[in-house]
All heavy atoms as atom14 arrays in JSON, in Angstrom:
{
  "sequence": "DSVKGRFTISRDNGKNTVDLQMNSLKPEDTAVYYCRMIVDTTLVWG",
  "atom14_mask": [
    [1, 1, 1, 1, 1, 1, 1, 1, 0, 0, 0, 0, 0, 0],
    [1, 1, 1, 1, 1, 1, 0, 0, 0, 0, 0, 0, 0, 0],
    [1, 1, 1, 1, 1, 1, 1, 0, 0, 0, 0, 0, 0, 0],
    [1, 1, 1, 1, 1, 1, 1, 1, 1, 0, 0, 0, 0, 0],
    [1, 1, 1, 1, 0, 0, 0, 0, 0, 0, 0, 0, 0, 0],
    [1, 1, 1, 1, 1, 1, 1, 1, 1, 1, 1, 0, 0, 0],
    [1, 1, 1, 1, 1, 1, 1, 1, 1, 1, 1, 0, 0, 0],
    [1, 1, 1, 1, 1, 1, 1, 0, 0, 0, 0, 0, 0, 0],
    [1, 1, 1, 1, 1, 1, 1, 1, 0, 0, 0, 0, 0, 0],
    [1, 1, 1, 1, 1, 1, 0, 0, 0, 0, 0, 0, 0, 0],
    [1, 1, 1, 1, 1, 1, 1, 1, 1, 1, 1, 0, 0, 0],
    [1, 1, 1, 1, 1, 1, 1, 1, 0, 0, 0, 0, 0, 0],
    [1, 1, 1, 1, 1, 1, 1, 1, 0, 0, 0, 0, 0, 0],
    [1, 1, 1, 1, 0, 0, 0, 0, 0, 0, 0, 0, 0, 0],
    [1, 1, 1, 1, 1, 1, 1, 1, 1, 0, 0, 0, 0, 0],
    [1, 1, 1, 1, 1, 1, 1, 1, 0, 0, 0, 0, 0, 0],
    [1, 1, 1, 1, 1, 1, 1, 0, 0, 0, 0, 0, 0, 0],
    [1, 1, 1, 1, 1, 1, 1, 0, 0, 0, 0, 0, 0, 0],
    [1, 1, 1, 1, 1, 1, 1, 1, 0, 0, 0, 0, 0, 0],
    [1, 1, 1, 1, 1, 1, 1, 1, 0, 0, 0, 0, 0, 0],
    [1, 1, 1, 1, 1, 1, 1, 1, 1, 0, 0, 0, 0, 0],
    [1, 1, 1, 1, 1, 1, 1, 1, 0, 0, 0, 0, 0, 0],
    [1, 1, 1, 1, 1, 1, 1, 1, 0, 0, 0, 0, 0, 0],
    [1, 1, 1, 1, 1, 1, 0, 0, 0, 0, 0, 0, 0, 0],
    [1, 1, 1, 1, 1, 1, 1, 1, 0, 0, 0, 0, 0, 0],
    [1, 1, 1, 1, 1, 1, 1, 1, 1, 0, 0, 0, 0, 0],
    [1, 1, 1, 1, 1, 1, 1, 0, 0, 0, 0, 0, 0, 0],
    [1, 1, 1, 1, 1, 1, 1, 1, 1, 0, 0, 0, 0, 0],
    [1, 1, 1, 1, 1, 1, 1, 1, 0, 0, 0, 0, 0, 0],
    [1, 1, 1, 1, 1, 1, 1, 0, 0, 0, 0, 0, 0, 0],
    [1, 1, 1, 1, 1, 0, 0, 0, 0, 0, 0, 0, 0, 0],
    [1, 1, 1, 1, 1, 1, 1, 0, 0, 0, 0, 0, 0, 0],
    [1, 1, 1, 1, 1, 1, 1, 1, 1, 1, 1, 1, 0, 0],
    [1, 1, 1, 1, 1, 1, 1, 1, 1, 1, 1, 1, 0, 0],
    [1, 1, 1, 1, 1, 1, 0, 0, 0, 0, 0, 0, 0, 0],
    [1, 1, 1, 1, 1, 1, 1, 1, 1, 1, 1, 0, 0, 0],
    [1, 1, 1, 1, 1, 1, 1, 1, 0, 0, 0, 0, 0, 0],
    [1, 1, 1, 1, 1, 1, 1, 1, 0, 0, 0, 0, 0, 0],
    [1, 1, 1, 1, 1, 1, 1, 0, 0, 0, 0, 0, 0, 0],
    [1, 1, 1, 1, 1, 1, 1, 1, 0, 0, 0, 0, 0, 0],
    [1, 1, 1, 1, 1, 1, 1, 0, 0, 0, 0, 0, 0, 0],
    [1, 1, 1, 1, 1, 1, 1, 0, 0, 0, 0, 0, 0, 0],
    [1, 1, 1, 1, 1, 1, 1, 1, 0, 0, 0, 0, 0, 0],
    [1, 1, 1, 1, 1, 1, 1, 0, 0, 0, 0, 0, 0, 0],
    [1, 1, 1, 1, 1, 1, 1, 1, 1, 1, 1, 1, 1, 1],
    [1, 1, 1, 1, 0, 0, 0, 0, 0, 0, 0, 0, 0, 0]
  ],
  "atom14_positions": [
    [[-98.48, -45.42, -28.26], [-97.49, -45.44, -27.21], [-96.13, -45.21, -27.73], [-95.26, -44.59, -27.08], [-97.63, -46.64, -26.37], [-98.86, -46.68, -25.48], [-99.47, -45.68, -25.24], [-99.18, -47.8, -25.01], [0.0, 0.0, 0.0], [0.0, 0.0, 0.0], [0.0, 0.0, 0.0], [0.0, 0.0, 0.0], [0.0, 0.0, 0.0], [0.0, 0.0, 0.0]],
    [[-95.85, -45.82, -28.89], [-94.52, -45.82, -29.41], [-93.98, -44.44, -29.9], [-92.79, -44.27, -30.03], [-94.43, -46.83, -30.56], [-95.34, -46.44, -31.63], [0.0, 0.0, 0.0], [0.0, 0.0, 0.0], [0.0, 0.0, 0.0], [0.0, 0.0, 0.0], [0.0, 0.0, 0.0], [0.0, 0.0, 0.0], [0.0, 0.0, 0.0], [0.0, 0.0, 0.0]],
    [[-94.91, -43.56, -30.1], [-94.49, -42.16, -30.55], [-94.79, -41.05, -29.56], [-94.43, -39.89, -29.82], [-95.2, -41.92, -31.91], [-94.98, -42.97, -32.94], [-96.72, -41.6, -31.71], [0.0, 0.0, 0.0], [0.0, 0.0, 0.0], [0.0, 0.0, 0.0], [0.0, 0.0, 0.0], [0.0, 0.0, 0.0], [0.0, 0.0, 0.0], [0.0, 0.0, 0.0]],
    [[-95.43, -41.39, -28.45], [-95.7, -40.41, -27.42], [-94.39, -39.69, -26.99], [-93.45, -40.28, -26.73], [-96.39, -40.99, -26.2], [-97.86, -41.31, -26.43], [-98.5, -41.92, -25.16], [-99.98, -42.32, -25.42], [-100.54, -42.95, -24.26], [0.0, 0.0, 0.0], [0.0, 0.0, 0.0], [0.0, 0.0, 0.0], [0.0, 0.0, 0.0], [0.0, 0.0, 0.0]],
    [[-94.49, -38.35, -26.93], [-93.38, -37.55, -26.51], [-92.38, -37.22, -27.64], [-91.49, -36.43, -27.45], [0.0, 0.0, 0.0], [0.0, 0.0, 0.0], [0.0, 0.0, 0.0], [0.0, 0.0, 0.0], [0.0, 0.0, 0.0], [0.0, 0.0, 0.0], [0.0, 0.0, 0.0], [0.0, 0.0, 0.0], [0.0, 0.0, 0.0], [0.0, 0.0, 0.0]],
    [[-92.62, -37.88, -28.79], [-91.7, -37.65, -29.91], [-92.42, -37.05, -31.06], [-91.86, -36.18, -31.8], [-90.98, -38.93, -30.38], [-90.19, -39.62, -29.3], [-89.44, -40.81, -29.87], [-90.29, -41.84, -30.42], [-90.27, -42.27, -31.68], [-89.42, -41.75, -32.53], [-91.07, -43.2, -32.05], [0.0, 0.0, 0.0], [0.0, 0.0, 0.0], [0.0, 0.0, 0.0]],
    [[-93.69, -37.39, -31.33], [-94.52, -36.89, -32.37], [-95.54, -35.96, -31.92], [-96.06, -36.09, -30.8], [-95.14, -38.03, -33.15], [-94.2, -38.98, -33.87], [-92.84, -38.89, -33.76], [-94.72, -39.97, -34.77], [-92.04, -39.69, -34.45], [-93.89, -40.78, -35.5], [-92.54, -40.68, -35.29], [0.0, 0.0, 0.0], [0.0, 0.0, 0.0], [0.0, 0.0, 0.0]],
    [[-95.87, -34.94, -32.77], [-96.96, -34.02, -32.42], [-97.87, -33.86, -33.66], [-97.34, -33.51, -34.73], [-96.43, -32.65, -31.98], [-95.55, -32.83, -30.82], [-97.54, -31.75, -31.61], [0.0, 0.0, 0.0], [0.0, 0.0, 0.0], [0.0, 0.0, 0.0], [0.0, 0.0, 0.0], [0.0, 0.0, 0.0], [0.0, 0.0, 0.0], [0.0, 0.0, 0.0]],
    [[-99.16, -34.07, -33.45], [-100.12, -33.87, -34.57], [-100.79, -32.57, -34.34], [-101.08, -32.09, -33.2], [-101.1, -35.03, -34.63], [-101.99, -34.91, -35.88], [-101.96, -35.09, -33.35], [-102.84, -36.18, -36.12], [0.0, 0.0, 0.0], [0.0, 0.0, 0.0], [0.0, 0.0, 0.0], [0.0, 0.0, 0.0], [0.0, 0.0, 0.0], [0.0, 0.0, 0.0]],
    [[-101.06, -31.83, -35.47], [-101.74, -30.56, -35.4], [-102.57, -30.4, -36.67], [-102.29, -31.05, -37.65], [-100.69, -29.42, -35.27], [-99.87, -29.34, -36.41], [0.0, 0.0, 0.0], [0.0, 0.0, 0.0], [0.0, 0.0, 0.0], [0.0, 0.0, 0.0], [0.0, 0.0, 0.0], [0.0, 0.0, 0.0], [0.0, 0.0, 0.0], [0.0, 0.0, 0.0]],
    [[-103.57, -29.54, -36.59], [-104.46, -29.28, -37.78], [-104.75, -27.83, -37.89], [-104.76, -27.14, -36.92], [-105.78, -30.19, -37.6], [-106.66, -29.74, -36.48], [-107.8, -30.78, -36.31], [-108.82, -30.55, -37.32], [-109.87, -31.41, -37.55], [-109.85, -32.54, -36.85], [-110.72, -31.16, -38.45], [0.0, 0.0, 0.0], [0.0, 0.0, 0.0], [0.0, 0.0, 0.0]],
    [[-105.08, -27.46, -39.12], [-105.52, -26.1, -39.42], [-106.88, -26.29, -40.13], [-106.95, -26.69, -41.29], [-104.56, -25.46, -40.4], [-104.88, -24.03, -40.61], [-106.03, -23.63, -40.67], [-103.89, -23.19, -40.82], [0.0, 0.0, 0.0], [0.0, 0.0, 0.0], [0.0, 0.0, 0.0], [0.0, 0.0, 0.0], [0.0, 0.0, 0.0], [0.0, 0.0, 0.0]],
    [[-107.93, -26.03, -39.42], [-109.31, -26.19, -39.93], [-109.56, -25.28, -41.12], [-110.35, -25.61, -41.96], [-110.32, -26.07, -38.87], [-110.22, -27.14, -37.75], [-109.86, -28.29, -38.13], [-110.46, -26.81, -36.55], [0.0, 0.0, 0.0], [0.0, 0.0, 0.0], [0.0, 0.0, 0.0], [0.0, 0.0, 0.0], [0.0, 0.0, 0.0], [0.0, 0.0, 0.0]],
    [[-109.0, -24.14, -41.14], [-109.23, -23.17, -42.18], [-108.57, -23.63, -43.45], [-109.11, -23.29, -44.51], [0.0, 0.0, 0.0], [0.0, 0.0, 0.0], [0.0, 0.0, 0.0], [0.0, 0.0, 0.0], [0.0, 0.0, 0.0], [0.0, 0.0, 0.0], [0.0, 0.0, 0.0], [0.0, 0.0, 0.0], [0.0, 0.0, 0.0], [0.0, 0.0, 0.0]],
    [[-107.51, -24.39, -43.36], [-106.84, -24.8, -44.62], [-107.05, -26.28, -44.88], [-106.59, -26.75, -45.89], [-105.29, -24.6, -44.48], [-104.92, -23.11, -44.35], [-103.37, -22.94, -44.24], [-102.98, -21.52, -44.12], [-101.53, -21.38, -43.92], [0.0, 0.0, 0.0], [0.0, 0.0, 0.0], [0.0, 0.0, 0.0], [0.0, 0.0, 0.0], [0.0, 0.0, 0.0]],
    [[-107.78, -26.92, -44.01], [-108.09, -28.38, -44.17], [-106.84, -29.17, -44.29], [-106.66, -30.02, -45.16], [-108.92, -28.65, -45.44], [-110.35, -28.12, -45.33], [-110.89, -28.01, -44.21], [-110.96, -27.61, -46.42], [0.0, 0.0, 0.0], [0.0, 0.0, 0.0], [0.0, 0.0, 0.0], [0.0, 0.0, 0.0], [0.0, 0.0, 0.0], [0.0, 0.0, 0.0]],
    [[-105.88, -28.9, -43.37], [-104.6, -29.63, -43.37], [-104.37, -30.22, -41.99], [-104.85, -29.8, -40.93], [-103.45, -28.59, -43.66], [-103.43, -27.59, -42.74], [-103.54, -28.08, -45.07], [0.0, 0.0, 0.0], [0.0, 0.0, 0.0], [0.0, 0.0, 0.0], [0.0, 0.0, 0.0], [0.0, 0.0, 0.0], [0.0, 0.0, 0.0], [0.0, 0.0, 0.0]],
    [[-103.56, -31.29, -41.99], [-103.04, -31.9, -40.78], [-101.59, -32.19, -40.95], [-101.13, -32.6, -41.97], [-103.88, -33.19, -40.46], [-103.71, -34.26, -41.54], [-103.41, -33.79, -39.09], [0.0, 0.0, 0.0], [0.0, 0.0, 0.0], [0.0, 0.0, 0.0], [0.0, 0.0, 0.0], [0.0, 0.0, 0.0], [0.0, 0.0, 0.0], [0.0, 0.0, 0.0]],
    [[-100.77, -31.85, -39.89], [-99.42, -32.07, -39.94], [-99.02, -33.05, -38.85], [-99.7, -33.24, -37.85], [-98.69, -30.73, -39.69], [-98.82, -29.76, -40.79], [-99.25, -30.15, -41.87], [-98.44, -28.6, -40.64], [0.0, 0.0, 0.0], [0.0, 0.0, 0.0], [0.0, 0.0, 0.0], [0.0, 0.0, 0.0], [0.0, 0.0, 0.0], [0.0, 0.0, 0.0]],
    [[-97.81, -33.66, -39.07], [-97.29, -34.56, -38.04], [-95.78, -34.14, -37.96], [-94.96, -34.38, -38.82], [-97.38, -36.0, -38.47], [-96.92, -37.04, -37.4], [-97.85, -37.02, -36.23], [-96.82, -38.41, -38.02], [0.0, 0.0, 0.0], [0.0, 0.0, 0.0], [0.0, 0.0, 0.0], [0.0, 0.0, 0.0], [0.0, 0.0, 0.0], [0.0, 0.0, 0.0]],
    [[-95.48, -33.6, -36.81], [-94.11, -33.24, -36.46], [-93.42, -34.49, -35.81], [-93.87, -34.9, -34.75], [-93.95, -32.07, -35.64], [-92.49, -31.63, -35.17], [-91.63, -31.24, -36.36], [-92.13, -30.51, -37.23], [-90.41, -31.72, -36.41], [0.0, 0.0, 0.0], [0.0, 0.0, 0.0], [0.0, 0.0, 0.0], [0.0, 0.0, 0.0], [0.0, 0.0, 0.0]],
    [[-92.35, -34.99, -36.47], [-91.72, -36.2, -35.88], [-90.32, -35.84, -35.46], [-89.49, -35.49, -36.36], [-91.7, -37.31, -36.99], [-93.09, -37.6, -37.52], [-93.1, -38.99, -38.7], [-92.12, -38.31, -40.03], [0.0, 0.0, 0.0], [0.0, 0.0, 0.0], [0.0, 0.0, 0.0], [0.0, 0.0, 0.0], [0.0, 0.0, 0.0], [0.0, 0.0, 0.0]],
    [[-90.04, -36.01, -34.2], [-88.72, -35.74, -33.66], [-88.09, -37.04, -33.12], [-88.81, -37.98, -32.83], [-88.78, -34.65, -32.53], [-89.32, -33.31, -33.06], [-89.12, -32.96, -34.21], [-90.05, -32.62, -32.19], [0.0, 0.0, 0.0], [0.0, 0.0, 0.0], [0.0, 0.0, 0.0], [0.0, 0.0, 0.0], [0.0, 0.0, 0.0], [0.0, 0.0, 0.0]],
    [[-86.8, -36.96, -32.89], [-86.1, -38.1, -32.28], [-86.48, -39.47, -32.97], [-86.8, -40.45, -32.4], [-86.5, -38.27, -30.75], [-86.14, -37.07, -30.07], [0.0, 0.0, 0.0], [0.0, 0.0, 0.0], [0.0, 0.0, 0.0], [0.0, 0.0, 0.0], [0.0, 0.0, 0.0], [0.0, 0.0, 0.0], [0.0, 0.0, 0.0], [0.0, 0.0, 0.0]],
    [[-86.44, -39.34, -34.3], [-86.83, -40.49, -35.12], [-85.88, -41.69, -34.84], [-84.68, -41.5, -34.62], [-86.85, -40.14, -36.57], [-88.08, -39.3, -36.98], [-87.83, -38.55, -38.28], [-89.26, -40.21, -37.1], [0.0, 0.0, 0.0], [0.0, 0.0, 0.0], [0.0, 0.0, 0.0], [0.0, 0.0, 0.0], [0.0, 0.0, 0.0], [0.0, 0.0, 0.0]],
    [[-86.52, -42.88, -34.94], [-85.77, -44.12, -34.76], [-85.93, -44.97, -35.98], [-86.9, -44.87, -36.77], [-86.4, -44.94, -33.57], [-86.48, -44.11, -32.28], [-87.22, -44.9, -31.17], [-87.28, -44.11, -29.88], [-87.99, -44.87, -28.8], [0.0, 0.0, 0.0], [0.0, 0.0, 0.0], [0.0, 0.0, 0.0], [0.0, 0.0, 0.0], [0.0, 0.0, 0.0]],
    [[-85.0, -45.92, -36.23], [-85.16, -46.84, -37.36], [-86.48, -47.54, -37.4], [-86.98, -47.77, -38.51], [-83.97, -47.8, -37.19], [-82.94, -46.99, -36.39], [-83.72, -46.12, -35.56], [0.0, 0.0, 0.0], [0.0, 0.0, 0.0], [0.0, 0.0, 0.0], [0.0, 0.0, 0.0], [0.0, 0.0, 0.0], [0.0, 0.0, 0.0], [0.0, 0.0, 0.0]],
    [[-87.0, -47.89, -36.26], [-88.35, -48.54, -36.25], [-89.51, -47.67, -36.63], [-90.64, -48.12, -36.79], [-88.58, -49.17, -34.84], [-88.39, -48.26, -33.71], [-87.04, -48.34, -33.04], [-86.0, -48.45, -33.8], [-86.94, -48.29, -31.78], [0.0, 0.0, 0.0], [0.0, 0.0, 0.0], [0.0, 0.0, 0.0], [0.0, 0.0, 0.0], [0.0, 0.0, 0.0]],
    [[-89.22, -46.4, -36.89], [-90.29, -45.48, -37.43], [-90.37, -45.57, -38.9], [-91.28, -44.95, -39.54], [-90.0, -44.03, -36.97], [-90.14, -43.79, -35.49], [-91.06, -44.36, -34.86], [-89.28, -43.05, -34.96], [0.0, 0.0, 0.0], [0.0, 0.0, 0.0], [0.0, 0.0, 0.0], [0.0, 0.0, 0.0], [0.0, 0.0, 0.0], [0.0, 0.0, 0.0]],
    [[-89.45, -46.29, -39.54], [-89.46, -46.46, -40.96], [-90.73, -47.13, -41.45], [-91.08, -48.18, -40.94], [-88.25, -47.29, -41.43], [-87.05, -46.53, -41.13], [-88.34, -47.59, -42.92], [0.0, 0.0, 0.0], [0.0, 0.0, 0.0], [0.0, 0.0, 0.0], [0.0, 0.0, 0.0], [0.0, 0.0, 0.0], [0.0, 0.0, 0.0], [0.0, 0.0, 0.0]],
    [[-91.42, -46.47, -42.34], [-92.73, -47.0, -42.88], [-93.21, -46.03, -43.91], [-92.73, -44.96, -44.09], [-93.78, -47.07, -41.7], [0.0, 0.0, 0.0], [0.0, 0.0, 0.0], [0.0, 0.0, 0.0], [0.0, 0.0, 0.0], [0.0, 0.0, 0.0], [0.0, 0.0, 0.0], [0.0, 0.0, 0.0], [0.0, 0.0, 0.0], [0.0, 0.0, 0.0]],
    [[-94.32, -46.5, -44.56], [-95.13, -45.56, -45.4], [-96.19, -44.92, -44.45], [-96.89, -45.7, -43.79], [-95.8, -46.29, -46.55], [-96.66, -45.32, -47.33], [-94.79, -46.92, -47.49], [0.0, 0.0, 0.0], [0.0, 0.0, 0.0], [0.0, 0.0, 0.0], [0.0, 0.0, 0.0], [0.0, 0.0, 0.0], [0.0, 0.0, 0.0], [0.0, 0.0, 0.0]],
    [[-96.22, -43.62, -44.45], [-97.16, -42.92, -43.6], [-98.33, -42.42, -44.42], [-98.18, -41.84, -45.52], [-96.43, -41.69, -42.96], [-95.61, -42.12, -41.8], [-94.39, -42.83, -42.07], [-95.91, -41.85, -40.49], [-93.59, -43.26, -40.98], [-95.11, -42.26, -39.42], [-93.94, -42.95, -39.66], [-93.12, -43.36, -38.64], [0.0, 0.0, 0.0], [0.0, 0.0, 0.0]],
    [[-99.48, -42.68, -43.89], [-100.75, -42.38, -44.64], [-101.66, -41.42, -43.78], [-101.83, -41.56, -42.59], [-101.64, -43.67, -44.81], [-101.02, -44.66, -45.69], [-100.19, -45.68, -45.21], [-101.23, -44.7, -47.09], [-99.67, -46.62, -45.96], [-100.65, -45.64, -47.9], [-99.86, -46.63, -47.38], [-99.32, -47.61, -48.13], [0.0, 0.0, 0.0], [0.0, 0.0, 0.0]],
    [[-102.11, -40.42, -44.46], [-103.04, -39.4, -43.89], [-104.41, -40.08, -44.07], [-104.77, -40.65, -45.07], [-102.91, -38.11, -44.65], [-104.13, -36.88, -44.2], [0.0, 0.0, 0.0], [0.0, 0.0, 0.0], [0.0, 0.0, 0.0], [0.0, 0.0, 0.0], [0.0, 0.0, 0.0], [0.0, 0.0, 0.0], [0.0, 0.0, 0.0], [0.0, 0.0, 0.0]],
    [[-105.25, -39.85, -43.05], [-106.65, -40.28, -43.12], [-107.6, -39.14, -42.53], [-107.23, -38.65, -41.47], [-106.82, -41.63, -42.32], [-108.16, -42.25, -42.55], [-108.35, -43.42, -41.58], [-109.01, -42.92, -40.36], [-109.68, -43.74, -39.53], [-109.81, -45.01, -39.8], [-110.27, -43.26, -38.41], [0.0, 0.0, 0.0], [0.0, 0.0, 0.0], [0.0, 0.0, 0.0]],
    [[-108.69, -38.95, -43.26], [-109.6, -38.02, -42.7], [-110.99, -38.53, -42.82], [-111.31, -39.27, -43.78], [-109.52, -36.71, -43.46], [-108.2, -35.95, -43.27], [-108.28, -34.31, -44.12], [-106.58, -33.77, -43.98], [0.0, 0.0, 0.0], [0.0, 0.0, 0.0], [0.0, 0.0, 0.0], [0.0, 0.0, 0.0], [0.0, 0.0, 0.0], [0.0, 0.0, 0.0]],
    [[-111.89, -38.16, -41.9], [-113.31, -38.37, -42.05], [-113.94, -37.12, -42.47], [-114.09, -36.15, -41.71], [-113.89, -38.94, -40.73], [-113.26, -40.25, -40.31], [-115.4, -39.11, -40.86], [-113.76, -40.79, -39.02], [0.0, 0.0, 0.0], [0.0, 0.0, 0.0], [0.0, 0.0, 0.0], [0.0, 0.0, 0.0], [0.0, 0.0, 0.0], [0.0, 0.0, 0.0]],
    [[-114.27, -37.06, -43.71], [-114.76, -35.78, -44.38], [-116.28, -35.95, -44.5], [-116.76, -36.84, -45.27], [-114.14, -35.56, -45.75], [-114.73, -34.29, -46.35], [-112.61, -35.45, -45.6], [0.0, 0.0, 0.0], [0.0, 0.0, 0.0], [0.0, 0.0, 0.0], [0.0, 0.0, 0.0], [0.0, 0.0, 0.0], [0.0, 0.0, 0.0], [0.0, 0.0, 0.0]],
    [[-117.01, -35.13, -43.77], [-118.46, -35.38, -43.65], [-118.7, -36.71, -43.11], [-118.44, -36.99, -41.88], [-119.17, -35.04, -44.95], [-118.89, -33.62, -45.46], [-118.86, -32.75, -44.67], [-118.59, -33.47, -46.62], [0.0, 0.0, 0.0], [0.0, 0.0, 0.0], [0.0, 0.0, 0.0], [0.0, 0.0, 0.0], [0.0, 0.0, 0.0], [0.0, 0.0, 0.0]],
    [[-119.16, -37.68, -43.86], [-119.35, -39.02, -43.32], [-118.52, -40.03, -44.11], [-118.71, -41.2, -43.93], [-120.85, -39.4, -43.43], [-121.19, -39.36, -44.81], [-121.68, -38.56, -42.56], [0.0, 0.0, 0.0], [0.0, 0.0, 0.0], [0.0, 0.0, 0.0], [0.0, 0.0, 0.0], [0.0, 0.0, 0.0], [0.0, 0.0, 0.0], [0.0, 0.0, 0.0]],
    [[-117.56, -39.54, -44.91], [-116.77, -40.44, -45.73], [-115.33, -40.55, -45.24], [-114.67, -39.51, -44.87], [-116.73, -39.84, -47.21], [-118.12, -39.79, -47.66], [-115.96, -40.85, -48.09], [0.0, 0.0, 0.0], [0.0, 0.0, 0.0], [0.0, 0.0, 0.0], [0.0, 0.0, 0.0], [0.0, 0.0, 0.0], [0.0, 0.0, 0.0], [0.0, 0.0, 0.0]],
    [[-114.83, -41.76, -45.19], [-113.44, -42.02, -44.83], [-112.61, -41.91, -46.1], [-112.82, -42.54, -47.04], [-113.36, -43.42, -44.24], [-111.97, -43.88, -43.77], [-111.49, -42.99, -42.62], [-111.97, -45.32, -43.32], [0.0, 0.0, 0.0], [0.0, 0.0, 0.0], [0.0, 0.0, 0.0], [0.0, 0.0, 0.0], [0.0, 0.0, 0.0], [0.0, 0.0, 0.0]],
    [[-111.57, -41.05, -45.94], [-110.67, -40.83, -47.08], [-109.18, -41.07, -46.66], [-108.86, -40.59, -45.66], [-110.81, -39.38, -47.65], [-110.03, -39.23, -48.9], [-112.29, -39.08, -47.83], [0.0, 0.0, 0.0], [0.0, 0.0, 0.0], [0.0, 0.0, 0.0], [0.0, 0.0, 0.0], [0.0, 0.0, 0.0], [0.0, 0.0, 0.0], [0.0, 0.0, 0.0]],
    [[-108.45, -41.73, -47.53], [-107.03, -42.01, -47.33], [-106.19, -41.29, -48.32], [-106.59, -41.07, -49.52], [-106.72, -43.47, -47.44], [-107.23, -44.32, -46.3], [-108.41, -45.02, -46.36], [-106.6, -44.67, -45.1], [-108.57, -45.7, -45.07], [-107.4, -45.53, -44.42], [-105.31, -44.32, -44.6], [-107.08, -46.0, -43.12], [-104.98, -44.8, -43.27], [-105.88, -45.67, -42.61]],
    [[-104.99, -40.82, -47.9], [-104.03, -40.37, -48.8], [-103.25, -41.48, -49.48], [-103.51, -42.65, -49.17], [0.0, 0.0, 0.0], [0.0, 0.0, 0.0], [0.0, 0.0, 0.0], [0.0, 0.0, 0.0], [0.0, 0.0, 0.0], [0.0, 0.0, 0.0], [0.0, 0.0, 0.0], [0.0, 0.0, 0.0], [0.0, 0.0, 0.0], [0.0, 0.0, 0.0]]
  ]
}
């Protein structure tokens, strides 16, 4: 809820990538951001 309308997630299945466009950033968005994928049946973190 805190990012609705400001952030947009997108993926490119051909390149195996996921992006996060973050607009109208606020100080409370400060954090370490981690990518996570479920690859086949395995959970993987960046």
